[in-house]
Protein backbone atom coordinates (compact mmCIF):
# COMPACT_ATOMS: atom_id res chain seq x y z
CA MET A 1 0.00 0.00 0.00
CA ASN A 2 1.49 3.36 -1.01
CA THR A 3 1.69 6.37 1.28
CA LEU A 4 -1.16 8.27 -0.41
CA ALA A 5 -3.55 5.32 -0.13
CA ALA A 6 -2.66 4.82 3.52
CA LEU A 7 -3.28 8.51 4.19
CA CYS A 8 -6.70 8.41 2.50
CA ILE A 9 -7.74 5.38 4.53
CA ALA A 10 -6.62 7.06 7.75
CA VAL A 11 -8.68 10.16 6.93
CA LEU A 12 -11.77 8.05 6.15
CA LEU A 13 -11.38 6.10 9.38
CA SER A 14 -11.07 9.31 11.39
CA LEU A 15 -14.27 10.65 9.84
CA ALA A 16 -16.11 7.43 10.51
CA ALA A 17 -15.05 7.21 14.16
CA PRO A 18 -17.59 9.69 15.55
CA ALA A 19 -20.42 7.82 13.79
CA ARG A 20 -19.28 4.55 15.35
CA ALA A 21 -18.90 6.21 18.75
CA ALA A 22 -22.46 7.56 18.67
CA ASP A 23 -24.71 6.94 15.69
CA LEU A 24 -27.83 8.40 17.35
CA LEU A 25 -28.50 11.91 18.65
CA ALA A 26 -30.86 12.33 21.60
CA LEU A 27 -32.28 15.54 23.01
CA LYS A 28 -32.78 15.80 26.74
CA GLN A 29 -33.61 18.47 29.24
CA GLY A 30 -30.51 19.42 31.20
CA ASN A 31 -29.70 19.96 34.86
CA ARG A 32 -32.33 17.76 36.51
CA PRO A 33 -30.28 15.59 38.82
CA PRO A 34 -30.49 12.80 39.73
CA PHE A 35 -32.37 12.11 36.49
CA SER A 36 -30.30 14.07 33.97
CA PHE A 37 -27.19 16.24 34.43
CA LEU A 38 -23.52 16.67 33.48
CA ASP A 39 -20.74 15.15 35.54
CA ALA A 40 -17.45 16.88 36.38
CA GLN A 41 -16.05 15.90 32.97
CA GLY A 42 -19.04 17.33 31.12
CA ASN A 43 -20.55 13.95 30.27
CA ALA A 44 -24.30 13.38 30.30
CA VAL A 45 -25.26 11.14 33.23
CA GLY A 46 -28.25 10.42 35.45
CA ILE A 47 -31.01 7.88 35.81
CA GLU A 48 -32.76 8.79 32.55
CA VAL A 49 -29.54 9.05 30.55
CA ASP A 50 -28.21 5.72 31.75
CA LEU A 51 -31.51 3.91 31.20
CA VAL A 52 -31.82 5.18 27.62
CA ALA A 53 -28.16 4.53 26.80
CA GLU A 54 -28.30 0.96 28.14
CA ALA A 55 -31.55 0.12 26.34
CA LEU A 56 -30.16 1.41 23.05
CA ARG A 57 -26.85 -0.39 23.65
CA ARG A 58 -28.82 -3.63 23.92
CA ALA A 59 -30.48 -2.70 20.64
CA GLY A 60 -27.03 -2.38 19.07
CA ARG A 61 -26.91 1.42 18.97
CA ARG A 62 -24.86 4.13 20.65
CA VAL A 63 -26.30 7.49 21.53
CA ALA A 64 -24.98 10.99 22.21
CA PHE A 65 -27.04 13.45 24.25
CA HIS A 66 -27.64 17.10 23.52
CA GLU A 67 -29.39 19.44 25.97
CA ALA A 68 -32.44 21.49 25.04
CA PRO A 69 -35.03 23.39 27.08
CA ASN A 70 -38.04 21.28 28.02
CA VAL A 71 -40.37 23.44 25.93
CA ARG A 72 -38.30 22.70 22.81
CA LEU A 73 -37.79 18.95 23.08
CA LEU A 74 -40.64 17.81 20.86
CA PRO A 75 -40.27 20.48 18.15
CA PHE A 76 -36.60 19.48 17.85
CA ILE A 77 -37.47 15.82 17.29
CA GLU A 78 -38.34 16.77 13.73
CA GLY A 79 -34.99 18.52 13.21
CA GLU A 80 -32.36 17.17 10.85
CA GLY A 81 -30.15 14.58 12.50
CA VAL A 82 -32.18 14.28 15.72
CA ASP A 83 -33.26 10.72 16.43
CA LEU A 84 -35.01 10.84 19.80
CA ALA A 85 -36.15 13.08 22.66
CA VAL A 86 -35.98 11.86 26.26
CA SER A 87 -38.67 12.20 28.93
CA VAL A 88 -41.61 13.57 26.97
CA ARG A 89 -45.32 12.83 26.92
CA GLY A 90 -47.67 12.23 24.03
CA SER A 91 -49.01 9.76 21.49
CA ASP A 92 -47.83 8.76 18.01
CA ALA A 93 -48.51 11.48 15.43
CA ASP A 94 -46.88 13.25 12.49
CA GLY A 95 -43.80 11.05 12.25
CA VAL A 96 -43.04 10.91 15.98
CA TYR A 97 -43.27 7.52 17.71
CA PHE A 98 -43.50 7.26 21.48
CA SER A 99 -42.03 4.46 23.56
CA ASP A 100 -43.58 2.76 26.55
CA GLU A 101 -43.27 4.77 29.76
CA PHE A 102 -39.67 4.33 30.81
CA ILE A 103 -39.61 6.40 33.99
CA ARG A 104 -42.08 7.74 36.53
CA TYR A 105 -41.94 10.81 38.75
CA GLU A 106 -43.54 11.05 42.19
CA ASN A 107 -44.72 14.63 42.28
CA VAL A 108 -45.87 16.30 45.48
CA ALA A 109 -46.45 19.81 46.83
CA ILE A 110 -44.04 20.67 49.65
CA SER A 111 -44.19 23.55 52.13
CA ARG A 112 -42.42 24.61 55.32
CA ARG A 113 -44.33 23.43 58.34
CA ASP A 114 -43.93 26.79 60.10
CA LYS A 115 -46.01 28.41 57.33
CA ARG A 116 -48.99 26.24 58.32
CA ILE A 117 -50.11 25.77 54.74
CA ALA A 118 -53.19 23.61 54.24
CA LEU A 119 -53.54 21.88 50.87
CA LYS A 120 -56.37 19.38 50.55
CA ALA A 121 -57.00 19.79 46.82
CA ILE A 122 -55.48 21.44 43.76
CA ALA A 123 -57.85 24.40 44.09
CA ASP A 124 -56.24 25.27 47.44
CA LEU A 125 -53.06 26.28 45.57
CA ASP A 126 -54.85 29.46 44.51
CA ARG A 127 -54.09 30.93 47.94
CA TYR A 128 -50.32 30.46 47.65
CA THR A 129 -47.39 31.13 45.35
CA PHE A 130 -45.68 28.04 44.00
CA ALA A 131 -42.78 27.01 41.75
CA ILE A 132 -42.98 24.15 39.27
CA TRP A 133 -40.82 22.84 36.41
CA GLN A 134 -41.17 24.21 32.89
CA ASN A 135 -44.50 23.26 31.32
CA GLY A 136 -45.49 21.50 34.53
CA TRP A 137 -49.03 22.75 34.05
CA ARG A 138 -49.59 20.03 31.44
CA ASP A 139 -48.09 17.13 33.43
CA LEU A 140 -50.34 16.89 36.50
CA GLY A 141 -53.73 15.97 35.15
CA GLN A 142 -56.72 17.71 33.61
CA VAL A 143 -57.82 19.59 36.73
CA PHE A 144 -54.40 21.18 37.24
CA GLU A 145 -54.01 21.93 33.53
CA ALA A 146 -57.39 23.62 33.30
CA ARG A 147 -56.54 25.82 36.27
CA TYR A 148 -52.94 26.77 35.47
CA ARG A 149 -52.45 26.56 31.72
CA PRO A 150 -51.35 29.84 30.10
CA ARG A 151 -54.17 32.22 29.29
CA ALA A 152 -55.03 33.45 25.80
CA ASN A 153 -52.50 36.26 26.23
CA GLY A 154 -49.75 33.74 27.06
CA LEU A 155 -49.52 34.71 30.72
CA PHE A 156 -49.85 32.37 33.69
CA PRO A 157 -51.77 33.11 36.91
CA ARG A 158 -49.82 35.42 39.21
CA ASN A 159 -49.11 32.73 41.78
CA TYR A 160 -47.62 30.31 39.21
CA PHE A 161 -43.84 30.31 38.55
CA GLN A 162 -41.86 28.01 36.25
CA PRO A 163 -38.12 28.82 36.38
CA ALA A 164 -35.78 27.83 33.56
CA ASN A 165 -34.50 24.74 35.40
CA GLN A 166 -35.09 22.77 38.56
CA LYS A 167 -32.01 24.12 40.31
CA ALA A 168 -33.57 27.59 40.12
CA GLN A 169 -36.95 26.14 41.07
CA ASN A 170 -35.58 24.60 44.26
CA ARG A 171 -33.62 27.74 45.10
CA MET A 172 -36.82 29.78 44.87
CA PHE A 173 -38.30 27.58 47.57
CA TRP A 174 -35.32 27.65 49.94
CA VAL A 175 -34.80 31.39 49.57
CA GLY A 176 -38.48 31.92 50.41
CA ARG A 177 -39.67 33.48 47.16
CA VAL A 178 -42.57 31.01 46.94
CA ASP A 179 -44.75 29.32 49.55
CA VAL A 180 -44.86 25.90 47.90
CA ILE A 181 -42.70 23.84 45.58
CA ILE A 182 -44.23 21.20 43.29
CA VAL A 183 -41.52 18.69 42.50
CA ASP A 184 -40.52 15.05 42.26
CA LYS A 185 -39.37 13.73 45.63
CA LYS A 186 -36.00 12.49 44.32
CA VAL A 187 -35.24 15.84 42.67
CA PHE A 188 -36.20 17.70 45.84
CA GLU A 189 -33.97 15.58 48.07
CA TRP A 190 -31.03 15.96 45.66
CA TYR A 191 -31.20 19.76 45.81
CA ARG A 192 -31.96 19.73 49.51
CA LYS A 193 -28.47 18.27 49.99
CA GLN A 194 -26.92 20.67 47.48
CA TYR A 195 -28.33 23.73 49.25
CA SER A 196 -27.64 22.51 52.80
CA ALA A 197 -24.53 24.69 53.13
CA GLU A 198 -26.39 27.84 52.05
CA PHE A 199 -29.77 27.38 53.74
CA ASN A 200 -31.19 25.52 56.70
CA THR A 201 -32.67 22.67 54.72
CA GLN A 202 -33.41 20.57 57.80
CA VAL A 203 -36.50 22.57 58.73
CA GLU A 204 -39.70 20.58 59.18
CA LEU A 205 -41.66 20.16 55.98
CA ASP A 206 -45.18 19.16 55.01
CA TYR A 207 -45.78 16.93 51.98
CA HIS A 208 -49.18 17.46 50.34
CA ALA A 209 -50.32 14.54 48.17
CA ILE A 210 -52.80 16.47 46.01
CA PHE A 211 -51.75 14.94 42.67
CA ASP A 212 -51.87 11.47 41.16
CA ALA A 213 -49.25 9.26 42.77
CA THR A 214 -46.86 9.29 39.80
CA THR A 215 -46.40 10.84 36.35
CA GLY A 216 -44.90 8.72 33.58
CA PHE A 217 -42.65 9.89 30.75
CA LYS A 218 -41.64 8.34 27.44
CA VAL A 219 -38.99 8.60 24.76
CA ALA A 220 -40.04 9.99 21.38
CA PHE A 221 -38.39 8.51 18.28
CA ARG A 222 -38.37 9.51 14.64
CA ARG A 223 -38.42 5.87 13.49
CA PRO A 224 -40.88 3.24 14.73
CA GLU A 225 -38.43 0.35 14.37
CA LEU A 226 -35.99 2.06 16.75
CA ARG A 227 -38.83 2.72 19.19
CA ASP A 228 -39.79 -0.97 19.07
CA ALA A 229 -36.21 -2.10 19.71
CA PHE A 230 -36.00 0.30 22.65
CA ASN A 231 -39.21 -1.09 24.15
CA ARG A 232 -37.96 -4.66 23.88
CA ALA A 233 -34.67 -3.79 25.57
CA LEU A 234 -36.42 -1.81 28.29
CA ASN A 235 -38.68 -4.76 29.12
CA ALA A 236 -35.65 -7.04 29.32
CA MET A 237 -33.90 -4.61 31.67
CA ARG A 238 -36.88 -4.69 34.00
CA ARG A 239 -36.93 -8.47 33.98
CA ASP A 240 -33.22 -8.89 34.75
CA ARG A 241 -33.25 -6.11 37.36
CA SER A 242 -30.62 -3.99 35.59
CA TYR A 243 -33.24 -1.23 35.48
CA ASP A 244 -33.32 -1.18 39.29
CA GLU A 245 -29.52 -1.27 39.46
CA ILE A 246 -29.28 1.90 37.39
CA VAL A 247 -31.79 3.70 39.58
CA ALA A 248 -29.92 2.63 42.73
CA ARG A 249 -26.66 3.89 41.21
CA TYR A 250 -27.84 7.45 41.96
CA GLY A 251 -28.97 6.78 45.50
CA ALA A 252 -32.62 6.57 44.41
CA ARG A 253 -35.26 3.88 44.81
C-alpha cells in the first residue's frame, strides 16, 4: 500500500469514528439531577440518561445526548439529525413515535411546616405562590391543567412560577420566594443536599399529596423500528433487574 492510499484510509477512518462512537443523537432536558445532568467531565449522566443509553446499547446502537429546554424537546425531534427526545409525553402522530413509559416521577407539593399551609386539593393552591418545572401545568392531570395553563395572552396566573430549570426552582423555595414547591421527591432531596450549606434545609416540611401518585414519561423517536427495539430492551432490563440497578446507582429507589 502506497503512502497516499494509507493517508486516504486514515482520513476516512477518522471521519467514521464519531459515527461509530455515537450513531444516534438524543435531546434531553438538562440539569435535573439525579435524572439528567452533566458530571465533572461534562458527560451526560443520570437515571434517565443511563436507562436510555443501556436500552439502546442492547439494541445495538450508541447514543450521544444534547441538551435542550423542556419546551423545545418535541419540536426538535423533527430537526435534521435528531433521532429521539428523552422524557416527553404524548401519542404517536406526524412522524413521531412514542415508547412505553420508561420512567415515573412522584410529584408532590411541599411547604415549610412553620407556614402552616393547608392543601387538601389542587384548588387550594390558589391561595399560595408556587414554583414548578417548565410546562409543569400540562403534566399533572386535567384539573391542574385547566386551572394553570397559560391564558389566551400567554400569561400564567400570578401565583404560578416556572423557572428555567429545577435548580432555580428549588432555590426559589429555599430562599423563600414562593410558599410551595411542586416537584418530584428524588429531585427535591437531591437539591436539599446541594443547598444545605447555604440554607437551613433541615427545617420541618409538610408533603401534600394532592396529585396522582406518579407521572410517567416516554422517549419519542423519529423511526418506529428504533422505538420498538428500545421497548424490547427496556422490558428485558426490568426483567433482569438492571433497570433497578441503574436507579440505585444514583442513590434513588
